[in-house]
């Protein structure tokens, strides 16, 4: 991800044209969030797909 790509995404989805300096500050935060998302996707959810659930259901803490 480049700063220009992030700047365009921000314009499209947030509707704000951030200054280059602001985007440069946001880029490491964005990259860290992407890394964390990849770590979470790698977790074994026991076959449950969170995208198909209408609420959070953690069998480790709720009665079966």
N, C-alpha and C. Protein backbone atom coordinates (compact mmCIF):
# COMPACT_ATOMS: atom_id res chain seq x y z
N UNK A 1 0.86 -1.17 0.00
CA UNK A 1 0.00 0.00 0.00
C UNK A 1 0.91 1.23 0.00
N UNK A 2 0.64 2.11 -0.91
CA UNK A 2 1.40 3.36 -0.95
C UNK A 2 0.58 4.47 -0.30
N UNK A 3 1.23 5.57 0.00
CA UNK A 3 0.50 6.69 0.59
C UNK A 3 -0.54 7.23 -0.38
N UNK A 4 -0.23 7.21 -1.66
CA UNK A 4 -1.20 7.71 -2.64
C UNK A 4 -2.42 6.81 -2.72
N UNK A 5 -2.19 5.49 -2.65
CA UNK A 5 -3.32 4.56 -2.65
C UNK A 5 -4.19 4.77 -1.42
N UNK A 6 -3.56 4.92 -0.26
CA UNK A 6 -4.31 5.15 0.96
C UNK A 6 -5.07 6.47 0.88
N UNK A 7 -4.44 7.47 0.34
CA UNK A 7 -5.10 8.78 0.20
C UNK A 7 -6.35 8.66 -0.67
N UNK A 8 -6.26 7.91 -1.76
CA UNK A 8 -7.42 7.72 -2.63
C UNK A 8 -8.52 6.94 -1.93
N UNK A 9 -8.14 5.90 -1.16
CA UNK A 9 -9.14 5.14 -0.40
C UNK A 9 -9.85 6.04 0.61
N UNK A 10 -9.09 6.88 1.28
CA UNK A 10 -9.69 7.79 2.26
C UNK A 10 -10.65 8.76 1.59
N UNK A 11 -10.26 9.25 0.43
CA UNK A 11 -11.16 10.15 -0.30
C UNK A 11 -12.45 9.45 -0.67
N UNK A 12 -12.31 8.21 -1.15
CA UNK A 12 -13.48 7.47 -1.62
C UNK A 12 -14.41 7.05 -0.49
N UNK A 13 -13.84 6.51 0.59
CA UNK A 13 -14.67 5.92 1.65
C UNK A 13 -14.99 6.85 2.80
N UNK A 14 -14.11 7.81 3.06
CA UNK A 14 -14.35 8.74 4.18
C UNK A 14 -14.83 10.09 3.66
N UNK A 15 -14.48 10.38 2.41
CA UNK A 15 -14.92 11.64 1.83
C UNK A 15 -14.05 12.83 2.21
N UNK A 16 -12.83 12.55 2.66
CA UNK A 16 -11.92 13.62 3.08
C UNK A 16 -10.61 13.47 2.30
N UNK A 17 -10.11 14.59 1.81
CA UNK A 17 -8.83 14.59 1.12
C UNK A 17 -7.76 15.02 2.12
N UNK A 18 -7.15 14.04 2.77
CA UNK A 18 -6.14 14.32 3.79
C UNK A 18 -4.87 14.84 3.14
N UNK A 19 -4.14 15.67 3.87
CA UNK A 19 -2.84 16.16 3.42
C UNK A 19 -1.85 15.00 3.40
N UNK A 20 -0.83 15.13 2.58
CA UNK A 20 0.18 14.08 2.44
C UNK A 20 0.81 13.71 3.78
N UNK A 21 1.08 14.69 4.61
CA UNK A 21 1.70 14.42 5.91
C UNK A 21 0.77 13.58 6.79
N UNK A 22 -0.52 13.85 6.72
CA UNK A 22 -1.48 13.08 7.52
C UNK A 22 -1.56 11.64 7.03
N UNK A 23 -1.55 11.46 5.72
CA UNK A 23 -1.61 10.11 5.16
C UNK A 23 -0.35 9.33 5.52
N UNK A 24 0.79 10.00 5.52
CA UNK A 24 2.03 9.33 5.91
C UNK A 24 1.99 8.88 7.36
N UNK A 25 1.31 9.63 8.22
CA UNK A 25 1.15 9.22 9.62
C UNK A 25 0.17 8.07 9.75
N UNK A 26 -0.83 8.02 8.87
CA UNK A 26 -1.85 6.98 8.94
C UNK A 26 -1.40 5.65 8.34
N UNK A 27 -0.49 5.69 7.39
CA UNK A 27 -0.08 4.47 6.69
C UNK A 27 0.44 3.37 7.62
N UNK A 28 1.34 3.66 8.57
CA UNK A 28 1.78 2.58 9.48
C UNK A 28 0.63 2.02 10.32
N UNK A 29 -0.32 2.86 10.69
CA UNK A 29 -1.47 2.39 11.46
C UNK A 29 -2.34 1.46 10.62
N UNK A 30 -2.54 1.85 9.38
CA UNK A 30 -3.31 1.02 8.45
C UNK A 30 -2.62 -0.33 8.26
N UNK A 31 -1.32 -0.32 8.04
CA UNK A 31 -0.58 -1.56 7.83
C UNK A 31 -0.62 -2.46 9.06
N UNK A 32 -0.54 -1.87 10.24
CA UNK A 32 -0.63 -2.66 11.48
C UNK A 32 -2.02 -3.29 11.60
N UNK A 33 -3.06 -2.55 11.25
CA UNK A 33 -4.43 -3.08 11.30
C UNK A 33 -4.58 -4.24 10.32
N UNK A 34 -4.01 -4.11 9.13
CA UNK A 34 -4.08 -5.20 8.15
C UNK A 34 -3.37 -6.45 8.67
N UNK A 35 -2.22 -6.28 9.30
CA UNK A 35 -1.50 -7.41 9.89
C UNK A 35 -2.35 -8.10 10.94
N UNK A 36 -2.98 -7.31 11.80
CA UNK A 36 -3.83 -7.88 12.86
C UNK A 36 -5.02 -8.62 12.27
N UNK A 37 -5.60 -8.08 11.22
CA UNK A 37 -6.72 -8.76 10.57
C UNK A 37 -6.29 -10.11 10.01
N UNK A 38 -5.10 -10.17 9.42
CA UNK A 38 -4.59 -11.45 8.91
C UNK A 38 -4.38 -12.45 10.06
N UNK A 39 -3.87 -11.99 11.21
CA UNK A 39 -3.69 -12.87 12.36
C UNK A 39 -5.04 -13.42 12.84
N UNK A 40 -6.04 -12.58 12.89
CA UNK A 40 -7.36 -13.02 13.34
C UNK A 40 -7.99 -14.01 12.35
N UNK A 41 -7.79 -13.76 11.06
CA UNK A 41 -8.33 -14.68 10.06
C UNK A 41 -7.69 -16.06 10.15
N UNK A 42 -6.47 -16.13 10.65
CA UNK A 42 -5.76 -17.40 10.75
C UNK A 42 -6.20 -18.22 11.96
N UNK A 43 -6.95 -17.64 12.87
CA UNK A 43 -7.39 -18.37 14.06
C UNK A 43 -8.37 -19.47 13.70
N UNK A 44 -8.30 -20.56 14.43
CA UNK A 44 -9.25 -21.65 14.25
C UNK A 44 -10.52 -21.31 15.01
N UNK A 45 -11.60 -21.11 14.27
CA UNK A 45 -12.88 -20.77 14.90
C UNK A 45 -13.77 -22.00 15.07
N UNK A 46 -13.19 -23.17 14.95
CA UNK A 46 -13.97 -24.39 15.16
C UNK A 46 -15.00 -24.62 14.08
N UNK A 47 -14.76 -24.14 12.89
CA UNK A 47 -15.70 -24.35 11.80
C UNK A 47 -16.73 -23.26 11.65
N UNK A 48 -16.89 -22.40 12.62
CA UNK A 48 -17.86 -21.32 12.51
C UNK A 48 -17.30 -20.19 11.66
N UNK A 49 -18.13 -19.66 10.81
CA UNK A 49 -17.74 -18.52 9.98
C UNK A 49 -18.44 -17.29 10.53
N UNK A 50 -17.69 -16.33 11.10
CA UNK A 50 -18.34 -15.17 11.72
C UNK A 50 -19.16 -14.35 10.75
N UNK A 51 -18.88 -14.47 9.45
CA UNK A 51 -19.67 -13.72 8.47
C UNK A 51 -21.08 -14.26 8.32
N UNK A 52 -21.32 -15.50 8.78
CA UNK A 52 -22.65 -16.10 8.65
C UNK A 52 -23.43 -16.03 9.96
N UNK A 53 -22.86 -15.45 11.00
CA UNK A 53 -23.51 -15.38 12.30
C UNK A 53 -24.15 -14.01 12.50
N UNK A 54 -25.33 -13.99 13.08
CA UNK A 54 -26.01 -12.72 13.30
C UNK A 54 -25.61 -12.08 14.63
N UNK A 55 -24.84 -12.79 15.45
CA UNK A 55 -24.37 -12.27 16.73
C UNK A 55 -23.10 -13.02 17.11
N UNK A 56 -22.40 -12.50 18.09
CA UNK A 56 -21.18 -13.17 18.54
C UNK A 56 -21.55 -14.40 19.36
N UNK A 57 -20.96 -15.51 19.02
CA UNK A 57 -21.24 -16.77 19.68
C UNK A 57 -19.92 -17.45 19.99
N UNK A 58 -19.48 -17.34 21.22
CA UNK A 58 -18.23 -17.98 21.62
C UNK A 58 -18.58 -19.16 22.51
N UNK A 59 -18.43 -20.36 21.97
CA UNK A 59 -18.82 -21.56 22.71
C UNK A 59 -17.98 -21.80 23.95
N UNK A 60 -16.82 -21.14 24.03
CA UNK A 60 -15.98 -21.31 25.21
C UNK A 60 -16.57 -20.64 26.44
N UNK A 61 -17.43 -19.62 26.23
CA UNK A 61 -17.97 -18.89 27.38
C UNK A 61 -19.48 -18.95 27.48
N UNK A 62 -20.16 -19.53 26.50
CA UNK A 62 -21.61 -19.62 26.58
C UNK A 62 -22.04 -21.09 26.61
N UNK A 63 -23.11 -21.39 27.33
CA UNK A 63 -23.54 -22.78 27.42
C UNK A 63 -23.98 -23.31 26.06
N UNK A 64 -23.68 -24.56 25.81
CA UNK A 64 -23.99 -25.19 24.54
C UNK A 64 -25.36 -25.70 24.51
